[in-house]
């Protein structure tokens, strides 16, 4: 460990841990705000260990996977498929938008309570 002489004492040179940059989407940003406000202990621990970006990127990735799976399942359940898209594009878009909005609401309720 590097130290610097300050007067009669050697003090450690404390530098912030350099984190690897990760691409973070909307769900990662929401999660960041959530833990910063509601789980300060986790937030501080992640900052001090240098794993905040990695953790948030992993949560973002998991939530996006969950979102894609829920959209696929709900579309199958409601009969929104390529046949509908081929015959009535506007109806397909309307129903897919409703599904996406429902999934986003579910995610916000379950993850960011």
PDB file of N, CA and C in Angstrom:
ATOM      1  N   UNK A   1       0.851  -1.169   0.000  1.00  0.00           N
ATOM      2  CA  UNK A   1       0.000   0.000   0.000  1.00  0.00           C
ATOM      3  C   UNK A   1       0.895   1.230   0.000  1.00  0.00           C
ATOM      4  N   UNK A   2       0.577   2.175  -0.839  1.00  0.00           N
ATOM      5  CA  UNK A   2       1.329   3.416  -0.907  1.00  0.00           C
ATOM      6  C   UNK A   2       0.891   4.343   0.213  1.00  0.00           C
ATOM      7  N   UNK A   3       1.865   5.053   0.778  1.00  0.00           N
ATOM      8  CA  UNK A   3       1.571   5.995   1.857  1.00  0.00           C
ATOM      9  C   UNK A   3       2.265   7.313   1.567  1.00  0.00           C
ATOM     10  N   UNK A   4       1.742   8.354   2.162  1.00  0.00           N
ATOM     11  CA  UNK A   4       2.316   9.679   2.032  1.00  0.00           C
ATOM     12  C   UNK A   4       2.626  10.192   3.425  1.00  0.00           C
ATOM     13  N   UNK A   5       3.811  10.793   3.594  1.00  0.00           N
ATOM     14  CA  UNK A   5       4.203  11.350   4.878  1.00  0.00           C
ATOM     15  C   UNK A   5       3.525  12.696   5.060  1.00  0.00           C
ATOM     16  N   UNK A   6       2.723  12.803   6.104  1.00  0.00           N
ATOM     17  CA  UNK A   6       2.058  14.065   6.448  1.00  0.00           C
ATOM     18  C   UNK A   6       2.476  14.416   7.865  1.00  0.00           C
ATOM     19  N   UNK A   7       3.425  15.366   7.977  1.00  0.00           N
ATOM     20  CA  UNK A   7       3.953  15.693   9.308  1.00  0.00           C
ATOM     21  C   UNK A   7       4.740  14.509   9.827  1.00  0.00           C
ATOM     22  N   UNK A   8       4.340  13.967  10.966  1.00  0.00           N
ATOM     23  CA  UNK A   8       5.016  12.826  11.560  1.00  0.00           C
ATOM     24  C   UNK A   8       4.342  11.494  11.227  1.00  0.00           C
ATOM     25  N   UNK A   9       3.274  11.531  10.443  1.00  0.00           N
ATOM     26  CA  UNK A   9       2.473  10.325  10.206  1.00  0.00           C
ATOM     27  C   UNK A   9       2.462   9.941   8.731  1.00  0.00           C
ATOM     28  N   UNK A  10       2.418   8.650   8.504  1.00  0.00           N
ATOM     29  CA  UNK A  10       2.212   8.128   7.155  1.00  0.00           C
ATOM     30  C   UNK A  10       0.734   7.809   6.992  1.00  0.00           C
ATOM     31  N   UNK A  11       0.129   8.416   5.983  1.00  0.00           N
ATOM     32  CA  UNK A  11      -1.283   8.172   5.703  1.00  0.00           C
ATOM     33  C   UNK A  11      -1.415   7.410   4.388  1.00  0.00           C
ATOM     34  N   UNK A  12      -2.342   6.458   4.331  1.00  0.00           N
ATOM     35  CA  UNK A  12      -2.502   5.693   3.081  1.00  0.00           C
ATOM     36  C   UNK A  12      -3.070   6.567   1.968  1.00  0.00           C
ATOM     37  N   UNK A  13      -2.599   6.294   0.769  1.00  0.00           N
ATOM     38  CA  UNK A  13      -3.135   6.984  -0.404  1.00  0.00           C
ATOM     39  C   UNK A  13      -4.415   6.258  -0.826  1.00  0.00           C
ATOM     40  N   UNK A  14      -5.542   6.816  -0.475  1.00  0.00           N
ATOM     41  CA  UNK A  14      -6.818   6.197  -0.791  1.00  0.00           C
ATOM     42  C   UNK A  14      -7.347   6.770  -2.095  1.00  0.00           C
ATOM     43  N   UNK A  15      -7.537   5.910  -3.052  1.00  0.00           N
ATOM     44  CA  UNK A  15      -8.070   6.315  -4.349  1.00  0.00           C
ATOM     45  C   UNK A  15      -9.369   5.566  -4.587  1.00  0.00           C
ATOM     46  N   UNK A  16     -10.309   6.208  -5.253  1.00  0.00           N
ATOM     47  CA  UNK A  16     -11.550   5.487  -5.554  1.00  0.00           C
ATOM     48  C   UNK A  16     -11.273   4.318  -6.488  1.00  0.00           C
ATOM     49  N   UNK A  17     -12.024   3.260  -6.284  1.00  0.00           N
ATOM     50  CA  UNK A  17     -11.883   2.079  -7.133  1.00  0.00           C
ATOM     51  C   UNK A  17     -12.405   2.414  -8.527  1.00  0.00           C
ATOM     52  N   UNK A  18     -11.609   2.086  -9.540  1.00  0.00           N
ATOM     53  CA  UNK A  18     -12.010   2.349 -10.914  1.00  0.00           C
ATOM     54  C   UNK A  18     -12.930   1.238 -11.399  1.00  0.00           C
ATOM     55  N   UNK A  19     -14.164   1.596 -11.673  1.00  0.00           N
ATOM     56  CA  UNK A  19     -15.141   0.613 -12.150  1.00  0.00           C
ATOM     57  C   UNK A  19     -15.120   0.536 -13.665  1.00  0.00           C
ATOM     58  N   UNK A  20     -15.409  -0.655 -14.161  1.00  0.00           N
ATOM     59  CA  UNK A  20     -15.582  -0.830 -15.592  1.00  0.00           C
ATOM     60  C   UNK A  20     -16.936  -0.236 -15.979  1.00  0.00           C
ATOM     61  N   UNK A  21     -16.964   0.495 -17.063  1.00  0.00           N
ATOM     62  CA  UNK A  21     -18.211   1.113 -17.518  1.00  0.00           C
ATOM     63  C   UNK A  21     -19.107   0.079 -18.169  1.00  0.00           C
ATOM     64  N   UNK A  22     -20.379   0.104 -17.807  1.00  0.00           N
ATOM     65  CA  UNK A  22     -21.374  -0.784 -18.385  1.00  0.00           C
ATOM     66  C   UNK A  22     -22.501   0.062 -18.951  1.00  0.00           C
ATOM     67  N   UNK A  23     -23.066  -0.403 -20.036  1.00  0.00           N
ATOM     68  CA  UNK A  23     -24.211   0.285 -20.616  1.00  0.00           C
ATOM     69  C   UNK A  23     -25.443  -0.023 -19.760  1.00  0.00           C
ATOM     70  N   UNK A  24     -26.114   1.023 -19.330  1.00  0.00           N
ATOM     71  CA  UNK A  24     -27.260   0.868 -18.437  1.00  0.00           C
ATOM     72  C   UNK A  24     -28.491   1.479 -19.101  1.00  0.00           C
ATOM     73  N   UNK A  25     -29.555   0.693 -19.158  1.00  0.00           N
ATOM     74  CA  UNK A  25     -30.797   1.140 -19.768  1.00  0.00           C
ATOM     75  C   UNK A  25     -31.739   1.781 -18.765  1.00  0.00           C
ATOM     76  N   UNK A  26     -32.975   1.947 -19.175  1.00  0.00           N
ATOM     77  CA  UNK A  26     -33.977   2.640 -18.363  1.00  0.00           C
ATOM     78  C   UNK A  26     -34.245   1.915 -17.054  1.00  0.00           C
ATOM     79  N   UNK A  27     -34.284   0.581 -17.082  1.00  0.00           N
ATOM     80  CA  UNK A  27     -34.565  -0.153 -15.846  1.00  0.00           C
ATOM     81  C   UNK A  27     -33.389  -0.065 -14.878  1.00  0.00           C
ATOM     82  N   UNK A  28     -32.182  -0.037 -15.386  1.00  0.00           N
ATOM     83  CA  UNK A  28     -31.009   0.159 -14.534  1.00  0.00           C
ATOM     84  C   UNK A  28     -31.014   1.525 -13.889  1.00  0.00           C
ATOM     85  N   UNK A  29     -31.427   2.538 -14.645  1.00  0.00           N
ATOM     86  CA  UNK A  29     -31.506   3.890 -14.096  1.00  0.00           C
ATOM     87  C   UNK A  29     -32.578   3.974 -13.012  1.00  0.00           C
ATOM     88  N   UNK A  30     -33.704   3.319 -13.245  1.00  0.00           N
ATOM     89  CA  UNK A  30     -34.766   3.310 -12.234  1.00  0.00           C
ATOM     90  C   UNK A  30     -34.304   2.587 -10.974  1.00  0.00           C
ATOM     91  N   UNK A  31     -33.602   1.459 -11.172  1.00  0.00           N
ATOM     92  CA  UNK A  31     -33.110   0.697 -10.031  1.00  0.00           C
ATOM     93  C   UNK A  31     -32.084   1.509  -9.248  1.00  0.00           C
ATOM     94  N   UNK A  32     -31.214   2.221  -9.952  1.00  0.00           N
ATOM     95  CA  UNK A  32     -30.226   3.083  -9.302  1.00  0.00           C
ATOM     96  C   UNK A  32     -30.922   4.089  -8.392  1.00  0.00           C
ATOM     97  N   UNK A  33     -31.932   4.769  -8.929  1.00  0.00           N
ATOM     98  CA  UNK A  33     -32.677   5.737  -8.124  1.00  0.00           C
ATOM     99  C   UNK A  33     -33.374   5.084  -6.942  1.00  0.00           C
ATOM    100  N   UNK A  34     -33.885   3.874  -7.163  1.00  0.00           N
ATOM    101  CA  UNK A  34     -34.598   3.150  -6.105  1.00  0.00           C
ATOM    102  C   UNK A  34     -33.657   2.789  -4.960  1.00  0.00           C
ATOM    103  N   UNK A  35     -32.493   2.164  -5.266  1.00  0.00           N
ATOM    104  CA  UNK A  35     -31.607   1.768  -4.169  1.00  0.00           C
ATOM    105  C   UNK A  35     -30.955   2.978  -3.511  1.00  0.00           C
ATOM    106  N   UNK A  36     -30.740   4.032  -4.268  1.00  0.00           N
ATOM    107  CA  UNK A  36     -30.155   5.243  -3.687  1.00  0.00           C
ATOM    108  C   UNK A  36     -31.099   5.842  -2.652  1.00  0.00           C
ATOM    109  N   UNK A  37     -32.386   5.749  -2.918  1.00  0.00           N
ATOM    110  CA  UNK A  37     -33.373   6.338  -2.014  1.00  0.00           C
ATOM    111  C   UNK A  37     -33.822   5.370  -0.916  1.00  0.00           C
ATOM    112  N   UNK A  38     -34.007   4.084  -1.250  1.00  0.00           N
ATOM    113  CA  UNK A  38     -34.647   3.159  -0.327  1.00  0.00           C
ATOM    114  C   UNK A  38     -33.723   2.116   0.298  1.00  0.00           C
ATOM    115  N   UNK A  39     -32.540   1.896  -0.254  1.00  0.00           N
ATOM    116  CA  UNK A  39     -31.632   0.882   0.295  1.00  0.00           C
ATOM    117  C   UNK A  39     -30.224   1.461   0.358  1.00  0.00           C
ATOM    118  N   UNK A  40     -30.052   2.413   1.253  1.00  0.00           N
ATOM    119  CA  UNK A  40     -28.790   3.148   1.334  1.00  0.00           C
ATOM    120  C   UNK A  40     -27.607   2.254   1.709  1.00  0.00           C
ATOM    121  N   UNK A  41     -27.833   1.225   2.517  1.00  0.00           N
ATOM    122  CA  UNK A  41     -26.739   0.334   2.906  1.00  0.00           C
ATOM    123  C   UNK A  41     -26.201  -0.405   1.690  1.00  0.00           C
ATOM    124  N   UNK A  42     -27.089  -0.983   0.893  1.00  0.00           N
ATOM    125  CA  UNK A  42     -26.663  -1.661  -0.334  1.00  0.00           C
ATOM    126  C   UNK A  42     -25.953  -0.681  -1.259  1.00  0.00           C
ATOM    127  N   UNK A  43     -26.506   0.503  -1.403  1.00  0.00           N
ATOM    128  CA  UNK A  43     -25.938   1.529  -2.276  1.00  0.00           C
ATOM    129  C   UNK A  43     -24.504   1.872  -1.864  1.00  0.00           C
ATOM    130  N   UNK A  44     -24.286   2.136  -0.586  1.00  0.00           N
ATOM    131  CA  UNK A  44     -22.954   2.485  -0.087  1.00  0.00           C
ATOM    132  C   UNK A  44     -21.991   1.306  -0.238  1.00  0.00           C
ATOM    133  N   UNK A  45     -22.469   0.090   0.074  1.00  0.00           N
ATOM    134  CA  UNK A  45     -21.617  -1.096  -0.077  1.00  0.00           C
ATOM    135  C   UNK A  45     -21.177  -1.280  -1.526  1.00  0.00           C
ATOM    136  N   UNK A  46     -22.091  -1.081  -2.463  1.00  0.00           N
ATOM    137  CA  UNK A  46     -21.735  -1.232  -3.877  1.00  0.00           C
ATOM    138  C   UNK A  46     -20.747  -0.162  -4.324  1.00  0.00           C
ATOM    139  N   UNK A  47     -20.922   1.047  -3.822  1.00  0.00           N
ATOM    140  CA  UNK A  47     -19.983   2.127  -4.181  1.00  0.00           C
ATOM    141  C   UNK A  47     -18.597   1.833  -3.628  1.00  0.00           C
ATOM    142  N   UNK A  48     -18.538   1.451  -2.347  1.00  0.00           N
ATOM    143  CA  UNK A  48     -17.226   1.252  -1.719  1.00  0.00           C
ATOM    144  C   UNK A  48     -16.491   0.030  -2.264  1.00  0.00           C
ATOM    145  N   UNK A  49     -17.210  -0.958  -2.745  1.00  0.00           N
ATOM    146  CA  UNK A  49     -16.541  -2.130  -3.322  1.00  0.00           C
ATOM    147  C   UNK A  49     -16.268  -1.959  -4.814  1.00  0.00           C
ATOM    148  N   UNK A  50     -16.789  -0.888  -5.405  1.00  0.00           N
ATOM    149  CA  UNK A  50     -16.561  -0.638  -6.824  1.00  0.00           C
ATOM    150  C   UNK A  50     -17.400  -1.508  -7.735  1.00  0.00           C
ATOM    151  N   UNK A  51     -18.552  -1.965  -7.246  1.00  0.00           N
ATOM    152  CA  UNK A  51     -19.391  -2.859  -8.037  1.00  0.00           C
ATOM    153  C   UNK A  51     -20.759  -2.276  -8.366  1.00  0.00           C
ATOM    154  N   UNK A  52     -20.933  -0.982  -8.184  1.00  0.00           N
ATOM    155  CA  UNK A  52     -22.230  -0.363  -8.423  1.00  0.00           C
ATOM    156  C   UNK A  52     -22.666  -0.503  -9.878  1.00  0.00           C
ATOM    157  N   UNK A  53     -21.814  -0.094 -10.812  1.00  0.00           N
ATOM    158  CA  UNK A  53     -22.179  -0.166 -12.234  1.00  0.00           C
ATOM    159  C   UNK A  53     -22.427  -1.601 -12.678  1.00  0.00           C
ATOM    160  N   UNK A  54     -21.600  -2.511 -12.229  1.00  0.00           N
ATOM    161  CA  UNK A  54     -21.755  -3.923 -12.602  1.00  0.00           C
ATOM    162  C   UNK A  54     -23.090  -4.471 -12.090  1.00  0.00           C
ATOM    163  N   UNK A  55     -23.417  -4.160 -10.847  1.00  0.00           N
ATOM    164  CA  UNK A  55     -24.664  -4.631 -10.241  1.00  0.00           C
ATOM    165  C   UNK A  55     -25.883  -4.052 -10.972  1.00  0.00           C
ATOM    166  N   UNK A  56     -25.841  -2.769 -11.239  1.00  0.00           N
ATOM    167  CA  UNK A  56     -26.970  -2.111 -11.912  1.00  0.00           C
ATOM    168  C   UNK A  56     -27.120  -2.640 -13.335  1.00  0.00           C
ATOM    169  N   UNK A  57     -26.013  -2.856 -14.028  1.00  0.00           N
ATOM    170  CA  UNK A  57     -26.075  -3.406 -15.391  1.00  0.00           C
ATOM    171  C   UNK A  57     -26.673  -4.813 -15.378  1.00  0.00           C
ATOM    172  N   UNK A  58     -26.327  -5.613 -14.376  1.00  0.00           N
ATOM    173  CA  UNK A  58     -26.869  -6.970 -14.270  1.00  0.00           C
ATOM    174  C   UNK A  58     -28.377  -6.927 -14.013  1.00  0.00           C
ATOM    175  N   UNK A  59     -28.821  -6.048 -13.125  1.00  0.00           N
ATOM    176  CA  UNK A  59     -30.254  -5.899 -12.854  1.00  0.00           C
ATOM    177  C   UNK A  59     -30.975  -5.454 -14.120  1.00  0.00           C
ATOM    178  N   UNK A  60     -30.404  -4.480 -14.826  1.00  0.00           N
ATOM    179  CA  UNK A  60     -31.004  -3.989 -16.069  1.00  0.00           C
ATOM    180  C   UNK A  60     -31.150  -5.123 -17.083  1.00  0.00           C
ATOM    181  N   UNK A  61     -30.118  -5.938 -17.211  1.00  0.00           N
ATOM    182  CA  UNK A  61     -30.141  -7.066 -18.152  1.00  0.00           C
ATOM    183  C   UNK A  61     -31.224  -8.071 -17.770  1.00  0.00           C
ATOM    184  N   UNK A  62     -31.313  -8.400 -16.488  1.00  0.00           N
ATOM    185  CA  UNK A  62     -32.326  -9.353 -16.024  1.00  0.00           C
ATOM    186  C   UNK A  62     -33.739  -8.831 -16.245  1.00  0.00           C
ATOM    187  N   UNK A  63     -33.947  -7.561 -15.948  1.00  0.00           N
ATOM    188  CA  UNK A  63     -35.287  -6.988 -16.102  1.00  0.00           C
ATOM    189  C   UNK A  63     -35.679  -6.929 -17.569  1.00  0.00           C
ATOM    190  N   UNK A  64     -34.748  -6.583 -18.452  1.00  0.00           N
ATOM    191  CA  UNK A  64     -35.060  -6.563 -19.881  1.00  0.00           C
ATOM    192  C   UNK A  64     -35.396  -7.964 -20.391  1.00  0.00           C
ATOM    193  N   UNK A  65     -34.699  -8.978 -19.878  1.00  0.00           N
ATOM    194  CA  UNK A  65     -35.015 -10.367 -20.252  1.00  0.00           C
ATOM    195  C   UNK A  65     -36.405 -10.744 -19.766  1.00  0.00           C
ATOM    196  N   UNK A  66     -36.713 -10.349 -18.526  1.00  0.00           N
ATOM    197  CA  UNK A  66     -38.028 -10.626 -17.971  1.00  0.00           C
ATOM    198  C   UNK A  66     -39.106  -9.899 -18.776  1.00  0.00           C
ATOM    199  N   UNK A  67     -38.823  -8.670 -19.179  1.00  0.00           N
ATOM    200  CA  UNK A  67     -39.769  -7.891 -19.979  1.00  0.00           C
ATOM    201  C   UNK A  67     -40.053  -8.593 -21.306  1.00  0.00           C
ATOM    202  N   UNK A  68     -39.016  -9.044 -21.987  1.00  0.00           N
ATOM    203  CA  UNK A  68     -39.194  -9.720 -23.278  1.00  0.00           C
ATOM    204  C   UNK A  68     -40.002 -11.001 -23.122  1.00  0.00           C
ATOM    205  N   UNK A  69     -39.718 -11.752 -22.069  1.00  0.00           N
ATOM    206  CA  UNK A  69     -40.447 -12.992 -21.824  1.00  0.00           C
ATOM    207  C   UNK A  69     -41.921 -12.721 -21.526  1.00  0.00           C
ATOM    208  N   UNK A  70     -42.194 -11.724 -20.689  1.00  0.00           N
ATOM    209  CA  UNK A  70     -43.588 -11.380 -20.360  1.00  0.00           C
ATOM    210  C   UNK A  70     -44.350 -10.901 -21.592  1.00  0.00           C
ATOM    211  N   UNK A  71     -43.710 -10.094 -22.417  1.00  0.00           N
ATOM    212  CA  UNK A  71     -44.364  -9.604 -23.640  1.00  0.00           C
ATOM    213  C   UNK A  71     -44.703 -10.782 -24.545  1.00  0.00           C
ATOM    214  N   UNK A  72     -43.749 -11.695 -24.716  1.00  0.00           N
ATOM    215  CA  UNK A  72     -43.989 -12.864 -25.562  1.00  0.00           C
ATOM    216  C   UNK A  72     -45.134 -13.713 -25.025  1.00  0.00           C
ATOM    217  N   UNK A  73     -45.130 -13.973 -23.721  1.00  0.00           N
ATOM    218  CA  UNK A  73     -46.175 -14.798 -23.112  1.00  0.00           C
ATOM    219  C   UNK A  73     -47.548 -14.136 -23.213  1.00  0.00           C
ATOM    220  N   UNK A  74     -47.609 -12.836 -22.937  1.00  0.00           N
ATOM    221  CA  UNK A  74     -48.893 -12.136 -22.991  1.00  0.00           C
ATOM    222  C   UNK A  74     -49.410 -12.046 -24.424  1.00  0.00           C
ATOM    223  N   UNK A  75     -48.516 -11.853 -25.379  1.00  0.00           N
ATOM    224  CA  UNK A  75     -48.931 -11.793 -26.780  1.00  0.00           C
ATOM    225  C   UNK A  75     -49.507 -13.136 -27.225  1.00  0.00           C
ATOM    226  N   UNK A  76     -48.859 -14.230 -26.826  1.00  0.00           N
ATOM    227  CA  UNK A  76     -49.382 -15.558 -27.157  1.00  0.00           C
ATOM    228  C   UNK A  76     -50.733 -15.786 -26.495  1.00  0.00           C
ATOM    229  N   UNK A  77     -50.841 -15.386 -25.256  1.00  0.00           N
ATOM    230  CA  UNK A  77     -52.078 -15.589 -24.500  1.00  0.00           C
ATOM    231  C   UNK A  77     -53.239 -14.808 -25.104  1.00  0.00           C
ATOM    232  N   UNK A  78     -52.962 -13.613 -25.606  1.00  0.00           N
ATOM    233  CA  UNK A  78     -54.020 -12.767 -26.163  1.00  0.00           C
ATOM    234  C   UNK A  78     -54.186 -12.940 -27.673  1.00  0.00           C
ATOM    235  N   UNK A  79     -53.445 -13.831 -28.265  1.00  0.00           N
ATOM    236  CA  UNK A  79     -53.604 -14.104 -29.690  1.00  0.00           C
ATOM    237  C   UNK A  79     -53.044 -13.028 -30.604  1.00  0.00           C
ATOM    238  N   UNK A  80     -52.063 -12.298 -30.124  1.00  0.00           N
ATOM    239  CA  UNK A  80     -51.419 -11.263 -30.941  1.00  0.00           C
ATOM    240  C   UNK A  80     -50.226 -11.937 -31.620  1.00  0.00           C
ATOM    241  N   UNK A  81     -50.404 -12.248 -32.907  1.00  0.00           N
ATOM    242  CA  UNK A  81     -49.374 -12.987 -33.625  1.00  0.00           C
ATOM    243  C   UNK A  81     -49.138 -12.375 -35.001  1.00  0.00           C
ATOM    244  N   UNK A  82     -48.322 -13.056 -35.781  1.00  0.00           N
ATOM    245  CA  UNK A  82     -47.966 -12.566 -37.112  1.00  0.00           C
ATOM    246  C   UNK A  82     -49.169 -12.555 -38.065  1.00  0.00           C
ATOM    247  N   UNK A  83     -50.113 -13.435 -37.855  1.00  0.00           N
ATOM    248  CA  UNK A  83     -51.314 -13.452 -38.701  1.00  0.00           C
ATOM    249  C   UNK A  83     -52.097 -12.161 -38.504  1.00  0.00           C
ATOM    250  N   UNK A  84     -52.279 -11.757 -37.255  1.00  0.00           N
ATOM    251  CA  UNK A  84     -52.965 -10.488 -36.967  1.00  0.00           C
ATOM    252  C   UNK A  84     -52.174  -9.321 -37.548  1.00  0.00           C
ATOM    253  N   UNK A  85     -50.872  -9.368 -37.411  1.00  0.00           N
ATOM    254  CA  UNK A  85     -50.018  -8.298 -37.936  1.00  0.00           C
ATOM    255  C   UNK A  85     -50.169  -8.181 -39.451  1.00  0.00           C
ATOM    256  N   UNK A  86     -50.295  -9.312 -40.109  1.00  0.00           N
ATOM    257  CA  UNK A  86     -50.429  -9.329 -41.558  1.00  0.00           C
ATOM    258  C   UNK A  86     -51.781  -8.791 -42.021  1.00  0.00           C
ATOM    259  N   UNK A  87     -52.840  -9.112 -41.279  1.00  0.00           N
ATOM    260  CA  UNK A  87     -54.192  -8.723 -41.683  1.00  0.00           C
ATOM    261  C   UNK A  87     -54.607  -7.330 -41.208  1.00  0.00           C
ATOM    262  N   UNK A  88     -54.187  -6.943 -40.010  1.00  0.00           N
ATOM    263  CA  UNK A  88     -54.612  -5.650 -39.446  1.00  0.00           C
ATOM    264  C   UNK A  88     -53.471  -5.074 -38.612  1.00  0.00           C
ATOM    265  N   UNK A  89     -52.598  -4.343 -39.285  1.00  0.00           N
ATOM    266  CA  UNK A  89     -51.405  -3.824 -38.618  1.00  0.00           C
ATOM    267  C   UNK A  89     -51.734  -2.852 -37.497  1.00  0.00           C
ATOM    268  N   UNK A  90     -52.705  -1.996 -37.695  1.00  0.00           N
ATOM    269  CA  UNK A  90     -53.051  -1.011 -36.666  1.00  0.00           C
ATOM    270  C   UNK A  90     -53.580  -1.684 -35.404  1.00  0.00           C
ATOM    271  N   UNK A  91     -54.384  -2.731 -35.562  1.00  0.00           N
ATOM    272  CA  UNK A  91     -54.881  -3.481 -34.404  1.00  0.00           C
ATOM    273  C   UNK A  91     -53.731  -4.186 -33.690  1.00  0.00           C
ATOM    274  N   UNK A  92     -52.798  -4.739 -34.472  1.00  0.00           N
ATOM    275  CA  UNK A  92     -51.635  -5.402 -33.897  1.00  0.00           C
ATOM    276  C   UNK A  92     -50.800  -4.415 -33.077  1.00  0.00           C
ATOM    277  N   UNK A  93     -50.561  -3.235 -33.634  1.00  0.00           N
ATOM    278  CA  UNK A  93     -49.784  -2.202 -32.933  1.00  0.00           C
ATOM    279  C   UNK A  93     -50.497  -1.777 -31.649  1.00  0.00           C
ATOM    280  N   UNK A  94     -51.808  -1.563 -31.731  1.00  0.00           N
ATOM    281  CA  UNK A  94     -52.574  -1.146 -30.554  1.00  0.00           C
ATOM    282  C   UNK A  94     -52.484  -2.192 -29.453  1.00  0.00           C
ATOM    283  N   UNK A  95     -52.661  -3.448 -29.827  1.00  0.00           N
ATOM    284  CA  UNK A  95     -52.631  -4.514 -28.824  1.00  0.00           C
ATOM    285  C   UNK A  95     -51.225  -4.736 -28.259  1.00  0.00           C
ATOM    286  N   UNK A  96     -50.213  -4.644 -29.112  1.00  0.00           N
ATOM    287  CA  UNK A  96     -48.827  -4.780 -28.617  1.00  0.00           C
ATOM    288  C   UNK A  96     -48.463  -3.628 -27.684  1.00  0.00           C
ATOM    289  N   UNK A  97     -48.907  -2.422 -28.000  1.00  0.00           N
ATOM    290  CA  UNK A  97     -48.654  -1.288 -27.105  1.00  0.00           C
ATOM    291  C   UNK A  97     -49.339  -1.500 -25.759  1.00  0.00           C
ATOM    292  N   UNK A  98     -50.557  -2.033 -25.775  1.00  0.00           N
ATOM    293  CA  UNK A  98     -51.242  -2.336 -24.520  1.00  0.00           C
ATOM    294  C   UNK A  98     -50.470  -3.383 -23.717  1.00  0.00           C
ATOM    295  N   UNK A  99     -49.969  -4.388 -24.398  1.00  0.00           N
ATOM    296  CA  UNK A  99     -49.193  -5.437 -23.728  1.00  0.00           C
ATOM    297  C   UNK A  99     -47.920  -4.852 -23.133  1.00  0.00           C
ATOM    298  N   UNK A 100     -47.199  -4.049 -23.909  1.00  0.00           N
ATOM    299  CA  UNK A 100     -45.958  -3.428 -23.409  1.00  0.00           C
ATOM    300  C   UNK A 100     -46.232  -2.545 -22.194  1.00  0.00           C
ATOM    301  N   UNK A 101     -47.307  -1.772 -22.255  1.00  0.00           N
ATOM    302  CA  UNK A 101     -47.656  -0.914 -21.119  1.00  0.00           C
ATOM    303  C   UNK A 101     -47.999  -1.747 -19.890  1.00  0.00           C
ATOM    304  N   UNK A 102     -48.713  -2.840 -20.084  1.00  0.00           N
ATOM    305  CA  UNK A 102     -49.053  -3.718 -18.961  1.00  0.00           C
ATOM    306  C   UNK A 102     -47.808  -4.336 -18.354  1.00  0.00           C
ATOM    307  N   UNK A 103     -46.896  -4.784 -19.198  1.00  0.00           N
ATOM    308  CA  UNK A 103     -45.660  -5.393 -18.719  1.00  0.00           C
ATOM    309  C   UNK A 103     -44.825  -4.371 -17.957  1.00  0.00           C
ATOM    310  N   UNK A 104     -44.730  -3.166 -18.472  1.00  0.00           N
ATOM    311  CA  UNK A 104     -43.973  -2.123 -17.784  1.00  0.00           C
ATOM    312  C   UNK A 104     -44.574  -1.828 -16.409  1.00  0.00           C
ATOM    313  N   UNK A 105     -45.883  -1.804 -16.338  1.00  0.00           N
ATOM    314  CA  UNK A 105     -46.578  -1.588 -15.065  1.00  0.00           C
ATOM    315  C   UNK A 105     -46.282  -2.731 -14.084  1.00  0.00           C
ATOM    316  N   UNK A 106     -46.295  -3.964 -14.575  1.00  0.00           N
ATOM    317  CA  UNK A 106     -45.984  -5.123 -13.733  1.00  0.00           C
ATOM    318  C   UNK A 106     -44.559  -5.027 -13.213  1.00  0.00           C
ATOM    319  N   UNK A 107     -43.631  -4.708 -14.075  1.00  0.00           N
ATOM    320  CA  UNK A 107     -42.221  -4.598 -13.686  1.00  0.00           C
ATOM    321  C   UNK A 107     -42.038  -3.500 -12.653  1.00  0.00           C
ATOM    322  N   UNK A 108     -42.637  -2.351 -12.891  1.00  0.00           N
ATOM    323  CA  UNK A 108     -42.509  -1.244 -11.932  1.00  0.00           C
ATOM    324  C   UNK A 108     -43.084  -1.617 -10.575  1.00  0.00           C
ATOM    325  N   UNK A 109     -44.190  -2.335 -10.582  1.00  0.00           N
ATOM    326  CA  UNK A 109     -44.830  -2.723  -9.321  1.00  0.00           C
ATOM    327  C   UNK A 109     -44.018  -3.781  -8.585  1.00  0.00           C
ATOM    328  N   UNK A 110     -43.476  -4.755  -9.321  1.00  0.00           N
ATOM    329  CA  UNK A 110     -42.774  -5.872  -8.681  1.00  0.00           C
ATOM    330  C   UNK A 110     -41.331  -5.535  -8.285  1.00  0.00           C
ATOM    331  N   UNK A 111     -40.652  -4.753  -9.077  1.00  0.00           N
ATOM    332  CA  UNK A 111     -39.230  -4.510  -8.822  1.00  0.00           C
ATOM    333  C   UNK A 111     -38.992  -3.211  -8.065  1.00  0.00           C
ATOM    334  N   UNK A 112     -39.743  -2.199  -8.386  1.00  0.00           N
ATOM    335  CA  UNK A 112     -39.517  -0.888  -7.791  1.00  0.00           C
ATOM    336  C   UNK A 112     -40.641  -0.523  -6.833  1.00  0.00           C
ATOM    337  N   UNK A 113     -41.012  -1.451  -5.958  1.00  0.00           N
ATOM    338  CA  UNK A 113     -42.120  -1.251  -5.014  1.00  0.00           C
ATOM    339  C   UNK A 113     -41.840  -0.097  -4.089  1.00  0.00           C
TER     340      UNK A 113
END
